[in-house]
Amino acid sequence: MSIFDTTTAKVALVAAALALAAPSAAAAARSATDLDGDGLANAAEATYGTNPNKADTDRDGLADGREVKLRTNPLKRDTDGDGYSDGYEVKVSKTDPLKKNKLRTGAS
């Protein structure tokens, strides 16, 4: 059967085969442009100096793409230098990773 055959059954079969292949092709295209799945395209990783094979280059708990969106430094665990990693500030203490914080430790 050629894909150029025009009988209804053959056209439907070819259309179904193409529809099944489409998600795989789309996933392959996405992975080729963002190898580590961090939300930052490989070309952008080169621009920012991050590792296209590691989702979190500085290992602070935030993916490189999220750091770029938050304007934190994806190459530095603690962008504001206050002693708390960017990931800790965003996910745990809910403080601004761009402003130095003095977090309470619970001790009086």
PDB file of N, CA and C in Angstrom:
ATOM      1  N   MET A   1       0.856  -1.180   0.000  1.00  0.00           N
ATOM      2  CA  MET A   1       0.000   0.000   0.000  1.00  0.00           C
ATOM      3  C   MET A   1       0.897   1.237   0.000  1.00  0.00           C
ATOM      4  N   SER A   2       0.608   2.168  -0.862  1.00  0.00           N
ATOM      5  CA  SER A   2       1.326   3.435  -0.946  1.00  0.00           C
ATOM      6  C   SER A   2       0.559   4.494  -0.163  1.00  0.00           C
ATOM      7  N   ILE A   3       1.271   5.449   0.398  1.00  0.00           N
ATOM      8  CA  ILE A   3       0.565   6.516   1.114  1.00  0.00           C
ATOM      9  C   ILE A   3      -0.203   7.411   0.156  1.00  0.00           C
ATOM     10  N   PHE A   4       0.025   7.213  -1.137  1.00  0.00           N
ATOM     11  CA  PHE A   4      -0.683   8.019  -2.129  1.00  0.00           C
ATOM     12  C   PHE A   4      -1.974   7.360  -2.592  1.00  0.00           C
ATOM     13  N   ASP A   5      -2.256   6.112  -2.145  1.00  0.00           N
ATOM     14  CA  ASP A   5      -3.530   5.473  -2.458  1.00  0.00           C
ATOM     15  C   ASP A   5      -4.638   6.289  -1.811  1.00  0.00           C
ATOM     16  N   THR A   6      -5.749   6.428  -2.505  1.00  0.00           N
ATOM     17  CA  THR A   6      -6.793   7.334  -2.022  1.00  0.00           C
ATOM     18  C   THR A   6      -8.065   6.645  -1.548  1.00  0.00           C
ATOM     19  N   THR A   7      -8.063   5.333  -1.427  1.00  0.00           N
ATOM     20  CA  THR A   7      -9.283   4.710  -0.932  1.00  0.00           C
ATOM     21  C   THR A   7      -9.477   5.110   0.529  1.00  0.00           C
ATOM     22  N   THR A   8     -10.689   5.195   0.951  1.00  0.00           N
ATOM     23  CA  THR A   8     -11.017   5.672   2.292  1.00  0.00           C
ATOM     24  C   THR A   8     -10.316   4.865   3.382  1.00  0.00           C
ATOM     25  N   ALA A   9     -10.321   3.561   3.272  1.00  0.00           N
ATOM     26  CA  ALA A   9      -9.700   2.715   4.295  1.00  0.00           C
ATOM     27  C   ALA A   9      -8.195   2.955   4.364  1.00  0.00           C
ATOM     28  N   LYS A  10      -7.581   3.083   3.205  1.00  0.00           N
ATOM     29  CA  LYS A  10      -6.134   3.288   3.174  1.00  0.00           C
ATOM     30  C   LYS A  10      -5.766   4.669   3.721  1.00  0.00           C
ATOM     31  N   VAL A  11      -6.544   5.681   3.386  1.00  0.00           N
ATOM     32  CA  VAL A  11      -6.291   7.032   3.890  1.00  0.00           C
ATOM     33  C   VAL A  11      -6.452   7.054   5.409  1.00  0.00           C
ATOM     34  N   ALA A  12      -7.478   6.394   5.919  1.00  0.00           N
ATOM     35  CA  ALA A  12      -7.708   6.352   7.361  1.00  0.00           C
ATOM     36  C   ALA A  12      -6.565   5.634   8.073  1.00  0.00           C
ATOM     37  N   LEU A  13      -6.073   4.546   7.480  1.00  0.00           N
ATOM     38  CA  LEU A  13      -4.980   3.792   8.081  1.00  0.00           C
ATOM     39  C   LEU A  13      -3.697   4.623   8.127  1.00  0.00           C
ATOM     40  N   VAL A  14      -3.386   5.307   7.047  1.00  0.00           N
ATOM     41  CA  VAL A  14      -2.190   6.158   7.000  1.00  0.00           C
ATOM     42  C   VAL A  14      -2.331   7.313   7.993  1.00  0.00           C
ATOM     43  N   ALA A  15      -3.511   7.919   8.074  1.00  0.00           N
ATOM     44  CA  ALA A  15      -3.743   9.022   9.010  1.00  0.00           C
ATOM     45  C   ALA A  15      -3.557   8.548  10.451  1.00  0.00           C
ATOM     46  N   ALA A  16      -4.051   7.354  10.761  1.00  0.00           N
ATOM     47  CA  ALA A  16      -3.901   6.815  12.112  1.00  0.00           C
ATOM     48  C   ALA A  16      -2.431   6.554  12.437  1.00  0.00           C
ATOM     49  N   ALA A  17      -1.697   6.028  11.474  1.00  0.00           N
ATOM     50  CA  ALA A  17      -0.268   5.767  11.691  1.00  0.00           C
ATOM     51  C   ALA A  17       0.490   7.068  11.920  1.00  0.00           C
ATOM     52  N   LEU A  18       0.175   8.093  11.159  1.00  0.00           N
ATOM     53  CA  LEU A  18       0.831   9.390  11.333  1.00  0.00           C
ATOM     54  C   LEU A  18       0.481  10.003  12.685  1.00  0.00           C
ATOM     55  N   ALA A  19      -0.750   9.843  13.120  1.00  0.00           N
ATOM     56  CA  ALA A  19      -1.169  10.387  14.414  1.00  0.00           C
ATOM     57  C   ALA A  19      -0.424   9.702  15.561  1.00  0.00           C
ATOM     58  N   LEU A  20      -0.190   8.404  15.441  1.00  0.00           N
ATOM     59  CA  LEU A  20       0.553   7.682  16.475  1.00  0.00           C
ATOM     60  C   LEU A  20       2.018   8.102  16.508  1.00  0.00           C
ATOM     61  N   ALA A  21       2.574   8.429  15.355  1.00  0.00           N
ATOM     62  CA  ALA A  21       3.984   8.822  15.281  1.00  0.00           C
ATOM     63  C   ALA A  21       4.201  10.248  15.764  1.00  0.00           C
ATOM     64  N   ALA A  22       3.197  11.090  15.678  1.00  0.00           N
ATOM     65  CA  ALA A  22       3.348  12.511  16.006  1.00  0.00           C
ATOM     66  C   ALA A  22       3.821  12.768  17.437  1.00  0.00           C
ATOM     67  N   PRO A  23       3.245  12.143  18.466  1.00  0.00           N
ATOM     68  CA  PRO A  23       3.736  12.423  19.819  1.00  0.00           C
ATOM     69  C   PRO A  23       5.209  12.059  19.998  1.00  0.00           C
ATOM     70  N   SER A  24       5.630  10.960  19.399  1.00  0.00           N
ATOM     71  CA  SER A  24       7.026  10.556  19.513  1.00  0.00           C
ATOM     72  C   SER A  24       7.937  11.564  18.842  1.00  0.00           C
ATOM     73  N   ALA A  25       7.543  12.059  17.700  1.00  0.00           N
ATOM     74  CA  ALA A  25       8.341  13.058  16.994  1.00  0.00           C
ATOM     75  C   ALA A  25       8.400  14.353  17.799  1.00  0.00           C
ATOM     76  N   ALA A  26       7.284  14.741  18.393  1.00  0.00           N
ATOM     77  CA  ALA A  26       7.255  15.967  19.196  1.00  0.00           C
ATOM     78  C   ALA A  26       8.137  15.814  20.435  1.00  0.00           C
ATOM     79  N   ALA A  27       8.075  14.662  21.080  1.00  0.00           N
ATOM     80  CA  ALA A  27       8.912  14.426  22.262  1.00  0.00           C
ATOM     81  C   ALA A  27      10.387  14.431  21.891  1.00  0.00           C
ATOM     82  N   ALA A  28      10.715  13.853  20.749  1.00  0.00           N
ATOM     83  CA  ALA A  28      12.112  13.843  20.299  1.00  0.00           C
ATOM     84  C   ALA A  28      12.595  15.257  20.014  1.00  0.00           C
ATOM     85  N   ALA A  29      11.744  16.066  19.420  1.00  0.00           N
ATOM     86  CA  ALA A  29      12.124  17.453  19.127  1.00  0.00           C
ATOM     87  C   ALA A  29      12.348  18.229  20.416  1.00  0.00           C
ATOM     88  N   ARG A  30      11.468  18.015  21.414  1.00  0.00           N
ATOM     89  CA  ARG A  30      11.630  18.702  22.700  1.00  0.00           C
ATOM     90  C   ARG A  30      12.925  18.285  23.384  1.00  0.00           C
ATOM     91  N   SER A  31      13.202  16.997  23.398  1.00  0.00           N
ATOM     92  CA  SER A  31      14.401  16.536  24.088  1.00  0.00           C
ATOM     93  C   SER A  31      15.661  16.990  23.369  1.00  0.00           C
ATOM     94  N   ALA A  32      15.589  17.167  22.065  1.00  0.00           N
ATOM     95  CA  ALA A  32      16.758  17.639  21.317  1.00  0.00           C
ATOM     96  C   ALA A  32      17.045  19.103  21.620  1.00  0.00           C
ATOM     97  N   THR A  33      16.018  19.873  21.975  1.00  0.00           N
ATOM     98  CA  THR A  33      16.234  21.287  22.259  1.00  0.00           C
ATOM     99  C   THR A  33      16.440  21.559  23.745  1.00  0.00           C
ATOM    100  N   ASP A  34      16.086  20.619  24.618  1.00  0.00           N
ATOM    101  CA  ASP A  34      16.275  20.765  26.068  1.00  0.00           C
ATOM    102  C   ASP A  34      16.642  19.391  26.628  1.00  0.00           C
ATOM    103  N   LEU A  35      17.896  19.013  26.487  1.00  0.00           N
ATOM    104  CA  LEU A  35      18.337  17.667  26.848  1.00  0.00           C
ATOM    105  C   LEU A  35      18.047  17.283  28.290  1.00  0.00           C
ATOM    106  N   ASP A  36      18.177  18.211  29.224  1.00  0.00           N
ATOM    107  CA  ASP A  36      18.001  17.867  30.638  1.00  0.00           C
ATOM    108  C   ASP A  36      16.609  18.165  31.181  1.00  0.00           C
ATOM    109  N   GLY A  37      15.726  18.719  30.347  1.00  0.00           N
ATOM    110  CA  GLY A  37      14.343  18.954  30.759  1.00  0.00           C
ATOM    111  C   GLY A  37      14.162  20.001  31.838  1.00  0.00           C
ATOM    112  N   ASP A  38      15.078  20.956  31.917  1.00  0.00           N
ATOM    113  CA  ASP A  38      15.010  21.978  32.964  1.00  0.00           C
ATOM    114  C   ASP A  38      14.230  23.220  32.566  1.00  0.00           C
ATOM    115  N   GLY A  39      13.674  23.215  31.357  1.00  0.00           N
ATOM    116  CA  GLY A  39      12.912  24.374  30.904  1.00  0.00           C
ATOM    117  C   GLY A  39      13.762  25.423  30.215  1.00  0.00           C
ATOM    118  N   LEU A  40      15.027  25.125  30.025  1.00  0.00           N
ATOM    119  CA  LEU A  40      15.950  26.047  29.367  1.00  0.00           C
ATOM    120  C   LEU A  40      16.506  25.331  28.142  1.00  0.00           C
ATOM    121  N   ALA A  41      16.257  25.884  26.957  1.00  0.00           N
ATOM    122  CA  ALA A  41      16.731  25.261  25.723  1.00  0.00           C
ATOM    123  C   ALA A  41      18.251  25.166  25.727  1.00  0.00           C
ATOM    124  N   ASN A  42      18.774  24.176  25.029  1.00  0.00           N
ATOM    125  CA  ASN A  42      20.227  23.979  24.988  1.00  0.00           C
ATOM    126  C   ASN A  42      20.962  25.225  24.519  1.00  0.00           C
ATOM    127  N   ALA A  43      20.410  25.943  23.551  1.00  0.00           N
ATOM    128  CA  ALA A  43      21.052  27.175  23.075  1.00  0.00           C
ATOM    129  C   ALA A  43      21.121  28.202  24.202  1.00  0.00           C
ATOM    130  N   ALA A  44      20.069  28.291  24.999  1.00  0.00           N
ATOM    131  CA  ALA A  44      20.063  29.223  26.132  1.00  0.00           C
ATOM    132  C   ALA A  44      21.047  28.763  27.207  1.00  0.00           C
ATOM    133  N   GLU A  45      21.178  27.446  27.383  1.00  0.00           N
ATOM    134  CA  GLU A  45      22.147  26.920  28.354  1.00  0.00           C
ATOM    135  C   GLU A  45      23.549  27.417  27.992  1.00  0.00           C
ATOM    136  N   ALA A  46      23.858  27.436  26.696  1.00  0.00           N
ATOM    137  CA  ALA A  46      25.169  27.930  26.255  1.00  0.00           C
ATOM    138  C   ALA A  46      25.316  29.412  26.587  1.00  0.00           C
ATOM    139  N   THR A  47      24.251  30.172  26.410  1.00  0.00           N
ATOM    140  CA  THR A  47      24.273  31.607  26.706  1.00  0.00           C
ATOM    141  C   THR A  47      24.508  31.863  28.191  1.00  0.00           C
ATOM    142  N   TYR A  48      23.813  31.112  29.046  1.00  0.00           N
ATOM    143  CA  TYR A  48      23.915  31.315  30.496  1.00  0.00           C
ATOM    144  C   TYR A  48      25.104  30.590  31.122  1.00  0.00           C
ATOM    145  N   GLY A  49      25.743  29.706  30.365  1.00  0.00           N
ATOM    146  CA  GLY A  49      26.883  28.961  30.887  1.00  0.00           C
ATOM    147  C   GLY A  49      26.501  27.774  31.747  1.00  0.00           C
ATOM    148  N   THR A  50      25.234  27.373  31.689  1.00  0.00           N
ATOM    149  CA  THR A  50      24.771  26.233  32.476  1.00  0.00           C
ATOM    150  C   THR A  50      25.041  24.930  31.727  1.00  0.00           C
ATOM    151  N   ASN A  51      24.919  23.823  32.422  1.00  0.00           N
ATOM    152  CA  ASN A  51      25.197  22.511  31.854  1.00  0.00           C
ATOM    153  C   ASN A  51      23.936  21.957  31.198  1.00  0.00           C
ATOM    154  N   PRO A  52      23.951  21.727  29.874  1.00  0.00           N
ATOM    155  CA  PRO A  52      22.756  21.226  29.191  1.00  0.00           C
ATOM    156  C   PRO A  52      22.403  19.790  29.556  1.00  0.00           C
ATOM    157  N   ASN A  53      23.255  19.126  30.316  1.00  0.00           N
ATOM    158  CA  ASN A  53      22.994  17.753  30.742  1.00  0.00           C
ATOM    159  C   ASN A  53      22.580  17.649  32.207  1.00  0.00           C
ATOM    160  N   LYS A  54      22.508  18.778  32.907  1.00  0.00           N
ATOM    161  CA  LYS A  54      22.077  18.802  34.313  1.00  0.00           C
ATOM    162  C   LYS A  54      20.938  19.801  34.461  1.00  0.00           C
ATOM    163  N   ALA A  55      19.829  19.360  35.000  1.00  0.00           N
ATOM    164  CA  ALA A  55      18.676  20.247  35.164  1.00  0.00           C
ATOM    165  C   ALA A  55      18.947  21.361  36.171  1.00  0.00           C
ATOM    166  N   ASP A  56      19.806  21.105  37.139  1.00  0.00           N
ATOM    167  CA  ASP A  56      20.110  22.078  38.196  1.00  0.00           C
ATOM    168  C   ASP A  56      21.630  22.204  38.308  1.00  0.00           C
ATOM    169  N   THR A  57      22.212  23.038  37.469  1.00  0.00           N
ATOM    170  CA  THR A  57      23.665  23.150  37.371  1.00  0.00           C
ATOM    171  C   THR A  57      24.329  23.441  38.708  1.00  0.00           C
ATOM    172  N   ASP A  58      23.771  24.370  39.491  1.00  0.00           N
ATOM    173  CA  ASP A  58      24.406  24.750  40.763  1.00  0.00           C
ATOM    174  C   ASP A  58      23.936  23.912  41.954  1.00  0.00           C
ATOM    175  N   ARG A  59      23.054  22.960  41.716  1.00  0.00           N
ATOM    176  CA  ARG A  59      22.546  22.020  42.728  1.00  0.00           C
ATOM    177  C   ARG A  59      21.951  22.720  43.950  1.00  0.00           C
ATOM    178  N   ASP A  60      21.171  23.764  43.701  1.00  0.00           N
ATOM    179  CA  ASP A  60      20.530  24.482  44.811  1.00  0.00           C
ATOM    180  C   ASP A  60      19.067  24.107  45.001  1.00  0.00           C
ATOM    181  N   GLY A  61      18.569  23.192  44.187  1.00  0.00           N
ATOM    182  CA  GLY A  61      17.179  22.768  44.316  1.00  0.00           C
ATOM    183  C   GLY A  61      16.227  23.435  43.346  1.00  0.00           C
ATOM    184  N   LEU A  62      16.731  24.339  42.511  1.00  0.00           N
ATOM    185  CA  LEU A  62      15.905  24.986  41.487  1.00  0.00           C
ATOM    186  C   LEU A  62      16.463  24.640  40.112  1.00  0.00           C
ATOM    187  N   ALA A  63      15.602  24.214  39.202  1.00  0.00           N
ATOM    188  CA  ALA A  63      16.038  23.925  37.834  1.00  0.00           C
ATOM    189  C   ALA A  63      16.552  25.209  37.182  1.00  0.00           C
ATOM    190  N   ASP A  64      17.498  25.054  36.280  1.00  0.00           N
ATOM    191  CA  ASP A  64      18.106  26.214  35.623  1.00  0.00           C
ATOM    192  C   ASP A  64      17.074  27.127  34.966  1.00  0.00           C
ATOM    193  N   GLY A  65      16.086  26.549  34.296  1.00  0.00           N
ATOM    194  CA  GLY A  65      15.057  27.363  33.651  1.00  0.00           C
ATOM    195  C   GLY A  65      14.264  28.188  34.647  1.00  0.00           C
ATOM    196  N   ARG A  66      13.964  27.607  35.790  1.00  0.00           N
ATOM    197  CA  ARG A  66      13.225  28.346  36.826  1.00  0.00           C
ATOM    198  C   ARG A  66      14.083  29.474  37.391  1.00  0.00           C
ATOM    199  N   GLU A  67      15.384  29.220  37.547  1.00  0.00           N
ATOM    200  CA  GLU A  67      16.280  30.269  38.048  1.00  0.00           C
ATOM    201  C   GLU A  67      16.318  31.454  37.089  1.00  0.00           C
ATOM    202  N   VAL A  68      16.351  31.176  35.804  1.00  0.00           N
ATOM    203  CA  VAL A  68      16.362  32.266  34.823  1.00  0.00           C
ATOM    204  C   VAL A  68      15.074  33.071  34.939  1.00  0.00           C
ATOM    205  N   LYS A  69      13.934  32.386  35.083  1.00  0.00           N
ATOM    206  CA  LYS A  69      12.650  33.087  35.232  1.00  0.00           C
ATOM    207  C   LYS A  69      12.607  33.925  36.506  1.00  0.00           C
ATOM    208  N   LEU A  70      13.203  33.414  37.582  1.00  0.00           N
ATOM    209  CA  LEU A  70      13.213  34.134  38.859  1.00  0.00           C
ATOM    210  C   LEU A  70      14.309  35.197  38.927  1.00  0.00           C
ATOM    211  N   ARG A  71      15.178  35.194  37.934  1.00  0.00           N
ATOM    212  CA  ARG A  71      16.331  36.104  37.850  1.00  0.00           C
ATOM    213  C   ARG A  71      17.395  35.820  38.900  1.00  0.00           C
ATOM    214  N   THR A  72      17.426  34.582  39.390  1.00  0.00           N
ATOM    215  CA  THR A  72      18.526  34.171  40.248  1.00  0.00           C
ATOM    216  C   THR A  72      19.640  33.646  39.356  1.00  0.00           C
ATOM    217  N   ASN A  73      20.808  33.437  39.911  1.00  0.00           N
ATOM    218  CA  ASN A  73      21.961  32.993  39.138  1.00  0.00           C
ATOM    219  C   ASN A  73      21.994  31.466  39.106  1.00  0.00           C
ATOM    220  N   PRO A  74      21.790  30.852  37.938  1.00  0.00           N
ATOM    221  CA  PRO A  74      21.771  29.389  37.866  1.00  0.00           C
ATOM    222  C   PRO A  74      23.142  28.751  38.068  1.00  0.00           C
ATOM    223  N   LEU A  75      24.182  29.578  38.209  1.00  0.00           N
ATOM    224  CA  LEU A  75      25.537  29.068  38.441  1.00  0.00           C
ATOM    225  C   LEU A  75      25.972  29.231  39.895  1.00  0.00           C
ATOM    226  N   LYS A  76      25.110  29.822  40.711  1.00  0.00           N
ATOM    227  CA  LYS A  76      25.457  30.131  42.095  1.00  0.00           C
ATOM    228  C   LYS A  76      24.350  29.623  43.022  1.00  0.00           C
ATOM    229  N   ARG A  77      24.687  28.776  43.983  1.00  0.00           N
ATOM    230  CA  ARG A  77      23.687  28.197  44.899  1.00  0.00           C
ATOM    231  C   ARG A  77      22.938  29.253  45.695  1.00  0.00           C
ATOM    232  N   ASP A  78      23.606  30.327  46.039  1.00  0.00           N
ATOM    233  CA  ASP A  78      23.032  31.366  46.896  1.00  0.00           C
ATOM    234  C   ASP A  78      23.238  32.721  46.219  1.00  0.00           C
ATOM    235  N   THR A  79      22.312  33.102  45.363  1.00  0.00           N
ATOM    236  CA  THR A  79      22.453  34.316  44.558  1.00  0.00           C
ATOM    237  C   THR A  79      22.698  35.555  45.402  1.00  0.00           C
ATOM    238  N   ASP A  80      21.959  35.722  46.502  1.00  0.00           N
ATOM    239  CA  ASP A  80      22.083  36.951  47.301  1.00  0.00           C
ATOM    240  C   ASP A  80      23.150  36.869  48.393  1.00  0.00           C
ATOM    241  N   GLY A  81      23.789  35.720  48.548  1.00  0.00           N
ATOM    242  CA  GLY A  81      24.892  35.588  49.489  1.00  0.00           C
ATOM    243  C   GLY A  81      24.522  35.640  50.957  1.00  0.00           C
ATOM    244  N   ASP A  82      23.280  35.272  51.288  1.00  0.00           N
ATOM    245  CA  ASP A  82      22.852  35.342  52.690  1.00  0.00           C
ATOM    246  C   ASP A  82      23.025  34.025  53.453  1.00  0.00           C
ATOM    247  N   GLY A  83      23.592  33.033  52.802  1.00  0.00           N
ATOM    248  CA  GLY A  83      23.814  31.753  53.465  1.00  0.00           C
ATOM    249  C   GLY A  83      22.719  30.729  53.250  1.00  0.00           C
ATOM    250  N   TYR A  84      21.651  31.097  52.564  1.00  0.00           N
ATOM    251  CA  TYR A  84      20.551  30.186  52.274  1.00  0.00           C
ATOM    252  C   TYR A  84      20.493  29.963  50.771  1.00  0.00           C
ATOM    253  N   SER A  85      20.437  28.692  50.341  1.00  0.00           N
ATOM    254  CA  SER A  85      20.395  28.405  48.906  1.00  0.00           C
ATOM    255  C   SER A  85      19.123  28.983  48.289  1.00  0.00           C
ATOM    256  N   ASP A  86      19.209  29.270  47.011  1.00  0.00           N
ATOM    257  CA  ASP A  86      18.041  29.807  46.301  1.00  0.00           C
ATOM    258  C   ASP A  86      16.858  28.852  46.412  1.00  0.00           C
ATOM    259  N   GLY A  87      17.117  27.560  46.282  1.00  0.00           N
ATOM    260  CA  GLY A  87      16.048  26.568  46.395  1.00  0.00           C
ATOM    261  C   GLY A  87      15.387  26.584  47.760  1.00  0.00           C
ATOM    262  N   TYR A  88      16.172  26.707  48.815  1.00  0.00           N
ATOM    263  CA  TYR A  88      15.624  26.763  50.172  1.00  0.00           C
ATOM    264  C   TYR A  88      14.743  28.002  50.333  1.00  0.00           C
ATOM    265  N   GLU A  89      15.233  29.130  49.838  1.00  0.00           N
ATOM    266  CA  GLU A  89      14.460  30.370  49.988  1.00  0.00           C
ATOM    267  C   GLU A  89      13.136  30.306  49.232  1.00  0.00           C
ATOM    268  N   VAL A  90      13.150  29.748  48.033  1.00  0.00           N
ATOM    269  CA  VAL A  90      11.931  29.694  47.221  1.00  0.00           C
ATOM    270  C   VAL A  90      10.967  28.630  47.733  1.00  0.00           C
ATOM    271  N   LYS A  91      11.474  27.439  48.025  1.00  0.00           N
ATOM    272  CA  LYS A  91      10.604  26.309  48.348  1.00  0.00           C
ATOM    273  C   LYS A  91      10.265  26.156  49.834  1.00  0.00           C
ATOM    274  N   VAL A  92      11.170  26.523  50.718  1.00  0.00           N
ATOM    275  CA  VAL A  92      10.962  26.255  52.146  1.00  0.00           C
ATOM    276  C   VAL A  92      10.616  27.516  52.925  1.00  0.00           C
ATOM    277  N   SER A  93      11.519  28.486  52.923  1.00  0.00           N
ATOM    278  CA  SER A  93      11.292  29.679  53.754  1.00  0.00           C
ATOM    279  C   SER A  93      10.384  30.707  53.087  1.00  0.00           C
ATOM    280  N   LYS A  94      10.138  30.520  51.783  1.00  0.00           N
ATOM    281  CA  LYS A  94       9.264  31.433  51.010  1.00  0.00           C
ATOM    282  C   LYS A  94       9.764  32.872  51.093  1.00  0.00           C
ATOM    283  N   THR A  95      11.081  33.045  51.058  1.00  0.00           N
ATOM    284  CA  THR A  95      11.683  34.375  51.065  1.00  0.00           C
ATOM    285  C   THR A  95      12.235  34.680  49.682  1.00  0.00           C
ATOM    286  N   ASP A  96      12.621  35.908  49.454  1.00  0.00           N
ATOM    287  CA  ASP A  96      13.120  36.356  48.157  1.00  0.00           C
ATOM    288  C   ASP A  96      14.590  35.967  48.011  1.00  0.00           C
ATOM    289  N   PRO A  97      14.923  35.116  47.040  1.00  0.00           N
ATOM    290  CA  PRO A  97      16.309  34.697  46.867  1.00  0.00           C
ATOM    291  C   PRO A  97      17.211  35.796  46.304  1.00  0.00           C
ATOM    292  N   LEU A  98      16.633  36.953  46.016  1.00  0.00           N
ATOM    293  CA  LEU A  98      17.411  38.084  45.509  1.00  0.00           C
ATOM    294  C   LEU A  98      17.706  39.114  46.594  1.00  0.00           C
ATOM    295  N   LYS A  99      17.148  38.906  47.787  1.00  0.00           N
ATOM    296  CA  LYS A  99      17.371  39.833  48.907  1.00  0.00           C
ATOM    297  C   LYS A  99      17.905  39.053  50.097  1.00  0.00           C
ATOM    298  N   LYS A 100      18.963  39.580  50.719  1.00  0.00           N
ATOM    299  CA  LYS A 100      19.541  38.903  51.883  1.00  0.00           C
ATOM    300  C   LYS A 100      18.502  38.789  52.986  1.00  0.00           C
ATOM    301  N   ASN A 101      18.436  37.619  53.577  1.00  0.00           N
ATOM    302  CA  ASN A 101      17.466  37.345  54.636  1.00  0.00           C
ATOM    303  C   ASN A 101      18.179  36.935  55.907  1.00  0.00           C
ATOM    304  N   LYS A 102      17.580  37.279  57.015  1.00  0.00           N
ATOM    305  CA  LYS A 102      18.023  36.783  58.314  1.00  0.00           C
ATOM    306  C   LYS A 102      16.866  35.955  58.834  1.00  0.00           C
ATOM    307  N   LEU A 103      16.920  34.672  58.555  1.00  0.00           N
ATOM    308  CA  LEU A 103      15.838  33.786  58.960  1.00  0.00           C
ATOM    309  C   LEU A 103      15.976  33.414  60.421  1.00  0.00           C
ATOM    310  N   ARG A 104      14.848  33.337  61.092  1.00  0.00           N
ATOM    311  CA  ARG A 104      14.857  32.928  62.497  1.00  0.00           C
ATOM    312  C   ARG A 104      15.064  31.426  62.568  1.00  0.00           C
ATOM    313  N   THR A 105      15.799  30.996  63.533  1.00  0.00           N
ATOM    314  CA  THR A 105      16.078  29.568  63.703  1.00  0.00           C
ATOM    315  C   THR A 105      15.151  28.917  64.715  1.00  0.00           C
ATOM    316  N   GLY A 106      14.328  29.682  65.377  1.00  0.00           N
ATOM    317  CA  GLY A 106      13.427  29.145  66.388  1.00  0.00           C
ATOM    318  C   GLY A 106      13.970  29.311  67.796  1.00  0.00           C
ATOM    319  N   ALA A 107      15.232  29.662  67.910  1.00  0.00           N
ATOM    320  CA  ALA A 107      15.831  29.887  69.237  1.00  0.00           C
ATOM    321  C   ALA A 107      15.519  31.295  69.702  1.00  0.00           C
ATOM    322  N   SER A 108      15.323  31.464  70.995  1.00  0.00           N
ATOM    323  CA  SER A 108      15.009  32.788  71.535  1.00  0.00           C
ATOM    324  C   SER A 108      16.257  33.525  71.921  1.00  0.00           C
TER     325      SER A 108
END
